[in-house]
């Protein structure tokens, strides 16, 4: 039992990049949890999922054009995410379908 615990926590004590990854995961979970609760209360729980899937084509386009460049993939994903957010917001103000129906088409 003791070696199993040591095997699990060993990489986090030995490698600095694992410590940074653990800290990033903890910070991300602390910031994403309240947003998820808020979206669930507003009955928009699939909105984050739809926007997350909308980011993928932009990140893939950034990868195809610039290669393995994190900045290009981030900007591509940000561009497509904002494009989908503004397009769905514009269409929801025009009262075409409800916002949840719009985001399920992405």
PDB file of N, CA and C in Angstrom:
ATOM      1  N   UNK A   1       0.823  -1.191   0.000  1.00  0.00           N
ATOM      2  CA  UNK A   1       0.000   0.000   0.000  1.00  0.00           C
ATOM      3  C   UNK A   1       0.868   1.256   0.000  1.00  0.00           C
ATOM      4  N   UNK A   2       1.936   1.215   0.776  1.00  0.00           N
ATOM      5  CA  UNK A   2       2.807   2.375   0.888  1.00  0.00           C
ATOM      6  C   UNK A   2       3.529   2.649  -0.427  1.00  0.00           C
ATOM      7  N   UNK A   3       3.921   1.599  -1.147  1.00  0.00           N
ATOM      8  CA  UNK A   3       4.599   1.807  -2.432  1.00  0.00           C
ATOM      9  C   UNK A   3       3.631   2.312  -3.498  1.00  0.00           C
ATOM     10  N   UNK A   4       2.378   1.928  -3.377  1.00  0.00           N
ATOM     11  CA  UNK A   4       1.393   2.413  -4.335  1.00  0.00           C
ATOM     12  C   UNK A   4       1.195   3.923  -4.176  1.00  0.00           C
ATOM     13  N   UNK A   5       1.156   4.390  -2.957  1.00  0.00           N
ATOM     14  CA  UNK A   5       1.025   5.828  -2.711  1.00  0.00           C
ATOM     15  C   UNK A   5       2.276   6.555  -3.183  1.00  0.00           C
ATOM     16  N   UNK A   6       3.433   5.975  -2.933  1.00  0.00           N
ATOM     17  CA  UNK A   6       4.685   6.587  -3.379  1.00  0.00           C
ATOM     18  C   UNK A   6       4.766   6.612  -4.898  1.00  0.00           C
ATOM     19  N   UNK A   7       4.285   5.562  -5.560  1.00  0.00           N
ATOM     20  CA  UNK A   7       4.282   5.549  -7.021  1.00  0.00           C
ATOM     21  C   UNK A   7       3.332   6.598  -7.584  1.00  0.00           C
ATOM     22  N   UNK A   8       2.239   6.850  -6.909  1.00  0.00           N
ATOM     23  CA  UNK A   8       1.279   7.840  -7.387  1.00  0.00           C
ATOM     24  C   UNK A   8       1.795   9.262  -7.198  1.00  0.00           C
ATOM     25  N   UNK A   9       2.326   9.577  -6.028  1.00  0.00           N
ATOM     26  CA  UNK A   9       2.755  10.934  -5.730  1.00  0.00           C
ATOM     27  C   UNK A   9       4.204  11.206  -6.106  1.00  0.00           C
ATOM     28  N   UNK A  10       4.964  10.184  -6.472  1.00  0.00           N
ATOM     29  CA  UNK A  10       6.372  10.351  -6.816  1.00  0.00           C
ATOM     30  C   UNK A  10       6.628  11.330  -7.944  1.00  0.00           C
ATOM     31  N   UNK A  11       5.919  11.220  -9.076  1.00  0.00           N
ATOM     32  CA  UNK A  11       6.180  12.174 -10.162  1.00  0.00           C
ATOM     33  C   UNK A  11       5.888  13.623  -9.785  1.00  0.00           C
ATOM     34  N   UNK A  12       4.942  13.841  -8.885  1.00  0.00           N
ATOM     35  CA  UNK A  12       4.613  15.209  -8.497  1.00  0.00           C
ATOM     36  C   UNK A  12       5.671  15.810  -7.577  1.00  0.00           C
ATOM     37  N   UNK A  13       6.406  14.994  -6.873  1.00  0.00           N
ATOM     38  CA  UNK A  13       7.459  15.519  -6.002  1.00  0.00           C
ATOM     39  C   UNK A  13       8.793  15.621  -6.721  1.00  0.00           C
ATOM     40  N   UNK A  14       8.971  14.845  -7.804  1.00  0.00           N
ATOM     41  CA  UNK A  14      10.264  14.811  -8.479  1.00  0.00           C
ATOM     42  C   UNK A  14      10.359  15.750  -9.676  1.00  0.00           C
ATOM     43  N   UNK A  15       9.276  15.978 -10.386  1.00  0.00           N
ATOM     44  CA  UNK A  15       9.322  16.738 -11.628  1.00  0.00           C
ATOM     45  C   UNK A  15       8.599  18.070 -11.476  1.00  0.00           C
ATOM     46  N   UNK A  16       9.292  19.140 -11.890  1.00  0.00           N
ATOM     47  CA  UNK A  16       8.696  20.464 -11.756  1.00  0.00           C
ATOM     48  C   UNK A  16       7.532  20.649 -12.725  1.00  0.00           C
ATOM     49  N   UNK A  17       7.608  20.079 -13.928  1.00  0.00           N
ATOM     50  CA  UNK A  17       6.515  20.258 -14.879  1.00  0.00           C
ATOM     51  C   UNK A  17       5.239  19.569 -14.397  1.00  0.00           C
ATOM     52  N   UNK A  18       5.381  18.490 -13.632  1.00  0.00           N
ATOM     53  CA  UNK A  18       4.201  17.835 -13.063  1.00  0.00           C
ATOM     54  C   UNK A  18       3.595  18.699 -11.956  1.00  0.00           C
ATOM     55  N   UNK A  19       4.438  19.383 -11.201  1.00  0.00           N
ATOM     56  CA  UNK A  19       3.931  20.289 -10.176  1.00  0.00           C
ATOM     57  C   UNK A  19       3.171  21.451 -10.807  1.00  0.00           C
ATOM     58  N   UNK A  20       3.719  21.981 -11.907  1.00  0.00           N
ATOM     59  CA  UNK A  20       3.035  23.067 -12.602  1.00  0.00           C
ATOM     60  C   UNK A  20       1.728  22.582 -13.224  1.00  0.00           C
ATOM     61  N   UNK A  21       1.727  21.375 -13.778  1.00  0.00           N
ATOM     62  CA  UNK A  21       0.502  20.830 -14.361  1.00  0.00           C
ATOM     63  C   UNK A  21      -0.557  20.603 -13.284  1.00  0.00           C
ATOM     64  N   UNK A  22      -0.151  20.119 -12.128  1.00  0.00           N
ATOM     65  CA  UNK A  22      -1.097  19.923 -11.024  1.00  0.00           C
ATOM     66  C   UNK A  22      -1.659  21.255 -10.544  1.00  0.00           C
ATOM     67  N   UNK A  23      -0.809  22.273 -10.443  1.00  0.00           N
ATOM     68  CA  UNK A  23      -1.285  23.594 -10.028  1.00  0.00           C
ATOM     69  C   UNK A  23      -2.247  24.174 -11.066  1.00  0.00           C
ATOM     70  N   UNK A  24      -1.945  23.997 -12.355  1.00  0.00           N
ATOM     71  CA  UNK A  24      -2.836  24.504 -13.407  1.00  0.00           C
ATOM     72  C   UNK A  24      -4.176  23.786 -13.374  1.00  0.00           C
ATOM     73  N   UNK A  25      -4.165  22.476 -13.149  1.00  0.00           N
ATOM     74  CA  UNK A  25      -5.425  21.721 -13.069  1.00  0.00           C
ATOM     75  C   UNK A  25      -6.257  22.162 -11.869  1.00  0.00           C
ATOM     76  N   UNK A  26      -5.611  22.407 -10.754  1.00  0.00           N
ATOM     77  CA  UNK A  26      -6.347  22.855  -9.562  1.00  0.00           C
ATOM     78  C   UNK A  26      -6.958  24.235  -9.783  1.00  0.00           C
ATOM     79  N   UNK A  27      -6.186  25.144 -10.374  1.00  0.00           N
ATOM     80  CA  UNK A  27      -6.720  26.482 -10.641  1.00  0.00           C
ATOM     81  C   UNK A  27      -7.850  26.433 -11.664  1.00  0.00           C
ATOM     82  N   UNK A  28      -7.701  25.593 -12.682  1.00  0.00           N
ATOM     83  CA  UNK A  28      -8.751  25.483 -13.686  1.00  0.00           C
ATOM     84  C   UNK A  28     -10.027  24.896 -13.083  1.00  0.00           C
ATOM     85  N   UNK A  29      -9.881  23.916 -12.213  1.00  0.00           N
ATOM     86  CA  UNK A  29     -11.076  23.335 -11.597  1.00  0.00           C
ATOM     87  C   UNK A  29     -11.755  24.320 -10.648  1.00  0.00           C
ATOM     88  N   UNK A  30     -10.967  25.150  -9.983  1.00  0.00           N
ATOM     89  CA  UNK A  30     -11.563  26.154  -9.107  1.00  0.00           C
ATOM     90  C   UNK A  30     -12.292  27.238  -9.892  1.00  0.00           C
ATOM     91  N   UNK A  31     -11.818  27.540 -11.094  1.00  0.00           N
ATOM     92  CA  UNK A  31     -12.492  28.574 -11.879  1.00  0.00           C
ATOM     93  C   UNK A  31     -13.636  28.007 -12.712  1.00  0.00           C
ATOM     94  N   UNK A  32     -13.568  26.745 -13.102  1.00  0.00           N
ATOM     95  CA  UNK A  32     -14.610  26.162 -13.948  1.00  0.00           C
ATOM     96  C   UNK A  32     -15.822  25.694 -13.143  1.00  0.00           C
ATOM     97  N   UNK A  33     -15.630  25.313 -11.907  1.00  0.00           N
ATOM     98  CA  UNK A  33     -16.737  24.792 -11.111  1.00  0.00           C
ATOM     99  C   UNK A  33     -17.846  25.822 -10.883  1.00  0.00           C
ATOM    100  N   UNK A  34     -17.527  27.052 -10.475  1.00  0.00           N
ATOM    101  CA  UNK A  34     -18.627  28.028 -10.316  1.00  0.00           C
ATOM    102  C   UNK A  34     -19.343  28.338 -11.627  1.00  0.00           C
ATOM    103  N   UNK A  35     -18.597  28.371 -12.722  1.00  0.00           N
ATOM    104  CA  UNK A  35     -19.224  28.613 -14.017  1.00  0.00           C
ATOM    105  C   UNK A  35     -20.163  27.473 -14.382  1.00  0.00           C
ATOM    106  N   UNK A  36     -19.767  26.239 -14.118  1.00  0.00           N
ATOM    107  CA  UNK A  36     -20.631  25.096 -14.390  1.00  0.00           C
ATOM    108  C   UNK A  36     -21.892  25.104 -13.545  1.00  0.00           C
ATOM    109  N   UNK A  37     -21.768  25.485 -12.287  1.00  0.00           N
ATOM    110  CA  UNK A  37     -22.941  25.580 -11.412  1.00  0.00           C
ATOM    111  C   UNK A  37     -23.879  26.672 -11.909  1.00  0.00           C
ATOM    112  N   UNK A  38     -23.310  27.813 -12.295  1.00  0.00           N
ATOM    113  CA  UNK A  38     -24.131  28.913 -12.806  1.00  0.00           C
ATOM    114  C   UNK A  38     -24.874  28.493 -14.075  1.00  0.00           C
ATOM    115  N   UNK A  39     -24.181  27.846 -15.001  1.00  0.00           N
ATOM    116  CA  UNK A  39     -24.837  27.406 -16.238  1.00  0.00           C
ATOM    117  C   UNK A  39     -25.903  26.352 -15.958  1.00  0.00           C
ATOM    118  N   UNK A  40     -25.679  25.496 -14.973  1.00  0.00           N
ATOM    119  CA  UNK A  40     -26.688  24.499 -14.629  1.00  0.00           C
ATOM    120  C   UNK A  40     -27.927  25.158 -14.034  1.00  0.00           C
ATOM    121  N   UNK A  41     -27.727  26.163 -13.195  1.00  0.00           N
ATOM    122  CA  UNK A  41     -28.872  26.866 -12.613  1.00  0.00           C
ATOM    123  C   UNK A  41     -29.669  27.628 -13.660  1.00  0.00           C
ATOM    124  N   UNK A  42     -28.996  28.130 -14.680  1.00  0.00           N
ATOM    125  CA  UNK A  42     -29.675  28.865 -15.744  1.00  0.00           C
ATOM    126  C   UNK A  42     -30.225  27.932 -16.826  1.00  0.00           C
ATOM    127  N   UNK A  43     -30.131  26.626 -16.601  1.00  0.00           N
ATOM    128  CA  UNK A  43     -30.574  25.604 -17.554  1.00  0.00           C
ATOM    129  C   UNK A  43     -29.872  25.745 -18.905  1.00  0.00           C
ATOM    130  N   UNK A  44     -28.575  26.028 -18.835  1.00  0.00           N
ATOM    131  CA  UNK A  44     -27.753  26.145 -20.030  1.00  0.00           C
ATOM    132  C   UNK A  44     -26.516  25.249 -19.895  1.00  0.00           C
ATOM    133  N   UNK A  45     -26.709  24.052 -19.367  1.00  0.00           N
ATOM    134  CA  UNK A  45     -25.565  23.212 -19.050  1.00  0.00           C
ATOM    135  C   UNK A  45     -24.814  22.728 -20.288  1.00  0.00           C
ATOM    136  N   UNK A  46     -25.463  22.657 -21.415  1.00  0.00           N
ATOM    137  CA  UNK A  46     -24.782  22.203 -22.626  1.00  0.00           C
ATOM    138  C   UNK A  46     -24.141  23.336 -23.413  1.00  0.00           C
ATOM    139  N   UNK A  47     -24.287  24.567 -22.951  1.00  0.00           N
ATOM    140  CA  UNK A  47     -23.698  25.700 -23.654  1.00  0.00           C
ATOM    141  C   UNK A  47     -22.179  25.631 -23.638  1.00  0.00           C
ATOM    142  N   UNK A  48     -21.612  25.332 -22.501  1.00  0.00           N
ATOM    143  CA  UNK A  48     -20.154  25.207 -22.413  1.00  0.00           C
ATOM    144  C   UNK A  48     -19.631  24.080 -23.268  1.00  0.00           C
ATOM    145  N   UNK A  49     -20.359  22.998 -23.329  1.00  0.00           N
ATOM    146  CA  UNK A  49     -19.968  21.874 -24.173  1.00  0.00           C
ATOM    147  C   UNK A  49     -19.997  22.266 -25.646  1.00  0.00           C
ATOM    148  N   UNK A  50     -21.029  22.964 -26.051  1.00  0.00           N
ATOM    149  CA  UNK A  50     -21.144  23.387 -27.458  1.00  0.00           C
ATOM    150  C   UNK A  50     -20.053  24.382 -27.828  1.00  0.00           C
ATOM    151  N   UNK A  51     -19.761  25.327 -26.940  1.00  0.00           N
ATOM    152  CA  UNK A  51     -18.700  26.280 -27.234  1.00  0.00           C
ATOM    153  C   UNK A  51     -17.326  25.617 -27.236  1.00  0.00           C
ATOM    154  N   UNK A  52     -17.147  24.629 -26.376  1.00  0.00           N
ATOM    155  CA  UNK A  52     -15.890  23.884 -26.385  1.00  0.00           C
ATOM    156  C   UNK A  52     -15.673  23.138 -27.689  1.00  0.00           C
ATOM    157  N   UNK A  53     -16.745  22.575 -28.218  1.00  0.00           N
ATOM    158  CA  UNK A  53     -16.630  21.900 -29.508  1.00  0.00           C
ATOM    159  C   UNK A  53     -16.466  22.907 -30.644  1.00  0.00           C
ATOM    160  N   UNK A  54     -16.946  24.122 -30.470  1.00  0.00           N
ATOM    161  CA  UNK A  54     -16.784  25.139 -31.501  1.00  0.00           C
ATOM    162  C   UNK A  54     -15.342  25.635 -31.575  1.00  0.00           C
ATOM    163  N   UNK A  55     -14.576  25.494 -30.499  1.00  0.00           N
ATOM    164  CA  UNK A  55     -13.181  25.927 -30.498  1.00  0.00           C
ATOM    165  C   UNK A  55     -12.282  25.006 -31.304  1.00  0.00           C
ATOM    166  N   UNK A  56     -12.657  23.760 -31.414  1.00  0.00           N
ATOM    167  CA  UNK A  56     -11.780  22.768 -32.039  1.00  0.00           C
ATOM    168  C   UNK A  56     -11.432  23.085 -33.491  1.00  0.00           C
ATOM    169  N   UNK A  57     -12.364  23.493 -34.359  1.00  0.00           N
ATOM    170  CA  UNK A  57     -11.963  23.797 -35.741  1.00  0.00           C
ATOM    171  C   UNK A  57     -10.963  24.951 -35.832  1.00  0.00           C
ATOM    172  N   UNK A  58     -11.086  25.950 -34.978  1.00  0.00           N
ATOM    173  CA  UNK A  58     -10.133  27.054 -34.990  1.00  0.00           C
ATOM    174  C   UNK A  58      -8.749  26.625 -34.543  1.00  0.00           C
ATOM    175  N   UNK A  59      -8.690  25.803 -33.505  1.00  0.00           N
ATOM    176  CA  UNK A  59      -7.396  25.297 -33.054  1.00  0.00           C
ATOM    177  C   UNK A  59      -6.773  24.392 -34.110  1.00  0.00           C
ATOM    178  N   UNK A  60      -7.587  23.582 -34.770  1.00  0.00           N
ATOM    179  CA  UNK A  60      -7.067  22.711 -35.828  1.00  0.00           C
ATOM    180  C   UNK A  60      -6.581  23.520 -37.020  1.00  0.00           C
ATOM    181  N   UNK A  61      -7.290  24.592 -37.352  1.00  0.00           N
ATOM    182  CA  UNK A  61      -6.854  25.460 -38.455  1.00  0.00           C
ATOM    183  C   UNK A  61      -5.530  26.143 -38.111  1.00  0.00           C
ATOM    184  N   UNK A  62      -5.403  26.610 -36.888  1.00  0.00           N
ATOM    185  CA  UNK A  62      -4.142  27.198 -36.451  1.00  0.00           C
ATOM    186  C   UNK A  62      -2.996  26.207 -36.526  1.00  0.00           C
ATOM    187  N   UNK A  63      -3.265  24.953 -36.189  1.00  0.00           N
ATOM    188  CA  UNK A  63      -2.239  23.915 -36.279  1.00  0.00           C
ATOM    189  C   UNK A  63      -1.879  23.628 -37.736  1.00  0.00           C
ATOM    190  N   UNK A  64      -2.877  23.553 -38.611  1.00  0.00           N
ATOM    191  CA  UNK A  64      -2.600  23.251 -40.016  1.00  0.00           C
ATOM    192  C   UNK A  64      -1.825  24.364 -40.704  1.00  0.00           C
ATOM    193  N   UNK A  65      -2.089  25.608 -40.349  1.00  0.00           N
ATOM    194  CA  UNK A  65      -1.413  26.722 -41.010  1.00  0.00           C
ATOM    195  C   UNK A  65      -0.027  26.988 -40.419  1.00  0.00           C
ATOM    196  N   UNK A  66       0.079  27.013 -39.085  1.00  0.00           N
ATOM    197  CA  UNK A  66       1.322  27.426 -38.436  1.00  0.00           C
ATOM    198  C   UNK A  66       2.091  26.290 -37.769  1.00  0.00           C
ATOM    199  N   UNK A  67       1.581  25.084 -37.813  1.00  0.00           N
ATOM    200  CA  UNK A  67       2.264  23.972 -37.156  1.00  0.00           C
ATOM    201  C   UNK A  67       1.971  23.969 -35.662  1.00  0.00           C
ATOM    202  N   UNK A  68       2.854  23.344 -34.917  1.00  0.00           N
ATOM    203  CA  UNK A  68       2.661  23.189 -33.473  1.00  0.00           C
ATOM    204  C   UNK A  68       3.055  24.483 -32.760  1.00  0.00           C
ATOM    205  N   UNK A  69       2.249  25.512 -32.954  1.00  0.00           N
ATOM    206  CA  UNK A  69       2.455  26.814 -32.343  1.00  0.00           C
ATOM    207  C   UNK A  69       1.262  27.070 -31.418  1.00  0.00           C
ATOM    208  N   UNK A  70       1.512  27.115 -30.132  1.00  0.00           N
ATOM    209  CA  UNK A  70       0.438  27.231 -29.152  1.00  0.00           C
ATOM    210  C   UNK A  70      -0.311  28.552 -29.312  1.00  0.00           C
ATOM    211  N   UNK A  71       0.410  29.620 -29.614  1.00  0.00           N
ATOM    212  CA  UNK A  71      -0.251  30.921 -29.775  1.00  0.00           C
ATOM    213  C   UNK A  71      -1.207  30.908 -30.959  1.00  0.00           C
ATOM    214  N   UNK A  72      -0.797  30.319 -32.071  1.00  0.00           N
ATOM    215  CA  UNK A  72      -1.671  30.269 -33.249  1.00  0.00           C
ATOM    216  C   UNK A  72      -2.898  29.411 -32.986  1.00  0.00           C
ATOM    217  N   UNK A  73      -2.724  28.285 -32.299  1.00  0.00           N
ATOM    218  CA  UNK A  73      -3.870  27.431 -31.990  1.00  0.00           C
ATOM    219  C   UNK A  73      -4.805  28.116 -31.007  1.00  0.00           C
ATOM    220  N   UNK A  74      -4.251  28.850 -30.054  1.00  0.00           N
ATOM    221  CA  UNK A  74      -5.082  29.576 -29.091  1.00  0.00           C
ATOM    222  C   UNK A  74      -5.874  30.676 -29.783  1.00  0.00           C
ATOM    223  N   UNK A  75      -5.207  31.441 -30.629  1.00  0.00           N
ATOM    224  CA  UNK A  75      -5.909  32.513 -31.334  1.00  0.00           C
ATOM    225  C   UNK A  75      -6.955  31.964 -32.297  1.00  0.00           C
ATOM    226  N   UNK A  76      -6.671  30.847 -32.956  1.00  0.00           N
ATOM    227  CA  UNK A  76      -7.656  30.235 -33.840  1.00  0.00           C
ATOM    228  C   UNK A  76      -8.877  29.755 -33.073  1.00  0.00           C
ATOM    229  N   UNK A  77      -8.657  29.109 -31.941  1.00  0.00           N
ATOM    230  CA  UNK A  77      -9.773  28.668 -31.111  1.00  0.00           C
ATOM    231  C   UNK A  77     -10.549  29.829 -30.532  1.00  0.00           C
ATOM    232  N   UNK A  78      -9.845  30.871 -30.115  1.00  0.00           N
ATOM    233  CA  UNK A  78     -10.509  32.058 -29.589  1.00  0.00           C
ATOM    234  C   UNK A  78     -11.358  32.725 -30.668  1.00  0.00           C
ATOM    235  N   UNK A  79     -10.821  32.801 -31.883  1.00  0.00           N
ATOM    236  CA  UNK A  79     -11.558  33.420 -32.977  1.00  0.00           C
ATOM    237  C   UNK A  79     -12.840  32.654 -33.283  1.00  0.00           C
ATOM    238  N   UNK A  80     -12.756  31.334 -33.406  1.00  0.00           N
ATOM    239  CA  UNK A  80     -13.966  30.573 -33.733  1.00  0.00           C
ATOM    240  C   UNK A  80     -14.945  30.558 -32.566  1.00  0.00           C
ATOM    241  N   UNK A  81     -14.449  30.518 -31.341  1.00  0.00           N
ATOM    242  CA  UNK A  81     -15.344  30.569 -30.184  1.00  0.00           C
ATOM    243  C   UNK A  81     -16.107  31.879 -30.112  1.00  0.00           C
ATOM    244  N   UNK A  82     -15.397  32.992 -30.338  1.00  0.00           N
ATOM    245  CA  UNK A  82     -16.075  34.292 -30.339  1.00  0.00           C
ATOM    246  C   UNK A  82     -17.030  34.422 -31.522  1.00  0.00           C
ATOM    247  N   UNK A  83     -16.640  33.866 -32.655  1.00  0.00           N
ATOM    248  CA  UNK A  83     -17.518  33.906 -33.825  1.00  0.00           C
ATOM    249  C   UNK A  83     -18.830  33.168 -33.549  1.00  0.00           C
ATOM    250  N   UNK A  84     -18.740  31.981 -32.970  1.00  0.00           N
ATOM    251  CA  UNK A  84     -19.944  31.211 -32.639  1.00  0.00           C
ATOM    252  C   UNK A  84     -20.761  31.929 -31.562  1.00  0.00           C
ATOM    253  N   UNK A  85     -20.091  32.496 -30.560  1.00  0.00           N
ATOM    254  CA  UNK A  85     -20.815  33.193 -29.490  1.00  0.00           C
ATOM    255  C   UNK A  85     -21.563  34.408 -30.034  1.00  0.00           C
ATOM    256  N   UNK A  86     -20.897  35.207 -30.870  1.00  0.00           N
ATOM    257  CA  UNK A  86     -21.567  36.380 -31.428  1.00  0.00           C
ATOM    258  C   UNK A  86     -22.669  35.990 -32.402  1.00  0.00           C
ATOM    259  N   UNK A  87     -22.435  34.963 -33.215  1.00  0.00           N
ATOM    260  CA  UNK A  87     -23.466  34.543 -34.172  1.00  0.00           C
ATOM    261  C   UNK A  87     -24.696  34.008 -33.449  1.00  0.00           C
ATOM    262  N   UNK A  88     -24.484  33.196 -32.420  1.00  0.00           N
ATOM    263  CA  UNK A  88     -25.639  32.671 -31.693  1.00  0.00           C
ATOM    264  C   UNK A  88     -26.349  33.765 -30.908  1.00  0.00           C
ATOM    265  N   UNK A  89     -25.587  34.718 -30.386  1.00  0.00           N
ATOM    266  CA  UNK A  89     -26.210  35.840 -29.677  1.00  0.00           C
ATOM    267  C   UNK A  89     -27.020  36.699 -30.639  1.00  0.00           C
ATOM    268  N   UNK A  90     -26.474  36.956 -31.818  1.00  0.00           N
ATOM    269  CA  UNK A  90     -27.194  37.745 -32.823  1.00  0.00           C
ATOM    270  C   UNK A  90     -28.479  37.042 -33.244  1.00  0.00           C
ATOM    271  N   UNK A  91     -28.394  35.742 -33.484  1.00  0.00           N
ATOM    272  CA  UNK A  91     -29.585  35.008 -33.907  1.00  0.00           C
ATOM    273  C   UNK A  91     -30.615  34.878 -32.789  1.00  0.00           C
ATOM    274  N   UNK A  92     -30.157  34.795 -31.542  1.00  0.00           N
ATOM    275  CA  UNK A  92     -31.121  34.686 -30.442  1.00  0.00           C
ATOM    276  C   UNK A  92     -31.857  36.009 -30.221  1.00  0.00           C
ATOM    277  N   UNK A  93     -31.207  37.133 -30.504  1.00  0.00           N
ATOM    278  CA  UNK A  93     -31.903  38.416 -30.394  1.00  0.00           C
ATOM    279  C   UNK A  93     -32.934  38.592 -31.493  1.00  0.00           C
ATOM    280  N   UNK A  94     -32.737  37.903 -32.595  1.00  0.00           N
ATOM    281  CA  UNK A  94     -33.711  37.971 -33.678  1.00  0.00           C
ATOM    282  C   UNK A  94     -34.867  37.016 -33.431  1.00  0.00           C
ATOM    283  N   UNK A  95     -34.825  36.272 -32.332  1.00  0.00           N
ATOM    284  CA  UNK A  95     -35.890  35.349 -31.906  1.00  0.00           C
ATOM    285  C   UNK A  95     -36.135  34.243 -32.934  1.00  0.00           C
ATOM    286  N   UNK A  96     -35.061  33.779 -33.572  1.00  0.00           N
ATOM    287  CA  UNK A  96     -35.235  32.693 -34.540  1.00  0.00           C
ATOM    288  C   UNK A  96     -35.544  31.417 -33.753  1.00  0.00           C
ATOM    289  N   UNK A  97     -34.588  30.648 -33.266  1.00  0.00           N
ATOM    290  CA  UNK A  97     -34.860  29.607 -32.273  1.00  0.00           C
ATOM    291  C   UNK A  97     -34.245  30.014 -30.934  1.00  0.00           C
ATOM    292  N   UNK A  98     -34.547  29.294 -29.875  1.00  0.00           N
ATOM    293  CA  UNK A  98     -33.903  29.601 -28.593  1.00  0.00           C
ATOM    294  C   UNK A  98     -32.399  29.332 -28.647  1.00  0.00           C
ATOM    295  N   UNK A  99     -31.670  29.934 -27.718  1.00  0.00           N
ATOM    296  CA  UNK A  99     -30.205  29.858 -27.740  1.00  0.00           C
ATOM    297  C   UNK A  99     -29.709  28.418 -27.600  1.00  0.00           C
ATOM    298  N   UNK A 100     -30.411  27.587 -26.804  1.00  0.00           N
ATOM    299  CA  UNK A 100     -29.972  26.198 -26.660  1.00  0.00           C
ATOM    300  C   UNK A 100     -30.073  25.461 -27.981  1.00  0.00           C
ATOM    301  N   UNK A 101     -31.102  25.721 -28.756  1.00  0.00           N
ATOM    302  CA  UNK A 101     -31.240  25.062 -30.053  1.00  0.00           C
ATOM    303  C   UNK A 101     -30.164  25.532 -31.014  1.00  0.00           C
ATOM    304  N   UNK A 102     -29.792  26.811 -30.934  1.00  0.00           N
ATOM    305  CA  UNK A 102     -28.748  27.325 -31.814  1.00  0.00           C
ATOM    306  C   UNK A 102     -27.398  26.674 -31.522  1.00  0.00           C
ATOM    307  N   UNK A 103     -27.074  26.496 -30.240  1.00  0.00           N
ATOM    308  CA  UNK A 103     -25.781  25.946 -29.892  1.00  0.00           C
ATOM    309  C   UNK A 103     -25.695  24.448 -30.164  1.00  0.00           C
ATOM    310  N   UNK A 104     -26.794  23.776 -30.297  1.00  0.00           N
ATOM    311  CA  UNK A 104     -26.742  22.354 -30.611  1.00  0.00           C
ATOM    312  C   UNK A 104     -26.438  22.114 -32.079  1.00  0.00           C
ATOM    313  N   UNK A 105     -26.550  23.138 -32.916  1.00  0.00           N
ATOM    314  CA  UNK A 105     -26.214  22.994 -34.313  1.00  0.00           C
ATOM    315  C   UNK A 105     -24.718  23.110 -34.564  1.00  0.00           C
ATOM    316  N   UNK A 106     -23.932  23.611 -33.604  1.00  0.00           N
ATOM    317  CA  UNK A 106     -22.503  23.792 -33.821  1.00  0.00           C
ATOM    318  C   UNK A 106     -21.763  22.488 -33.764  1.00  0.00           C
TER     319      UNK A 106
END
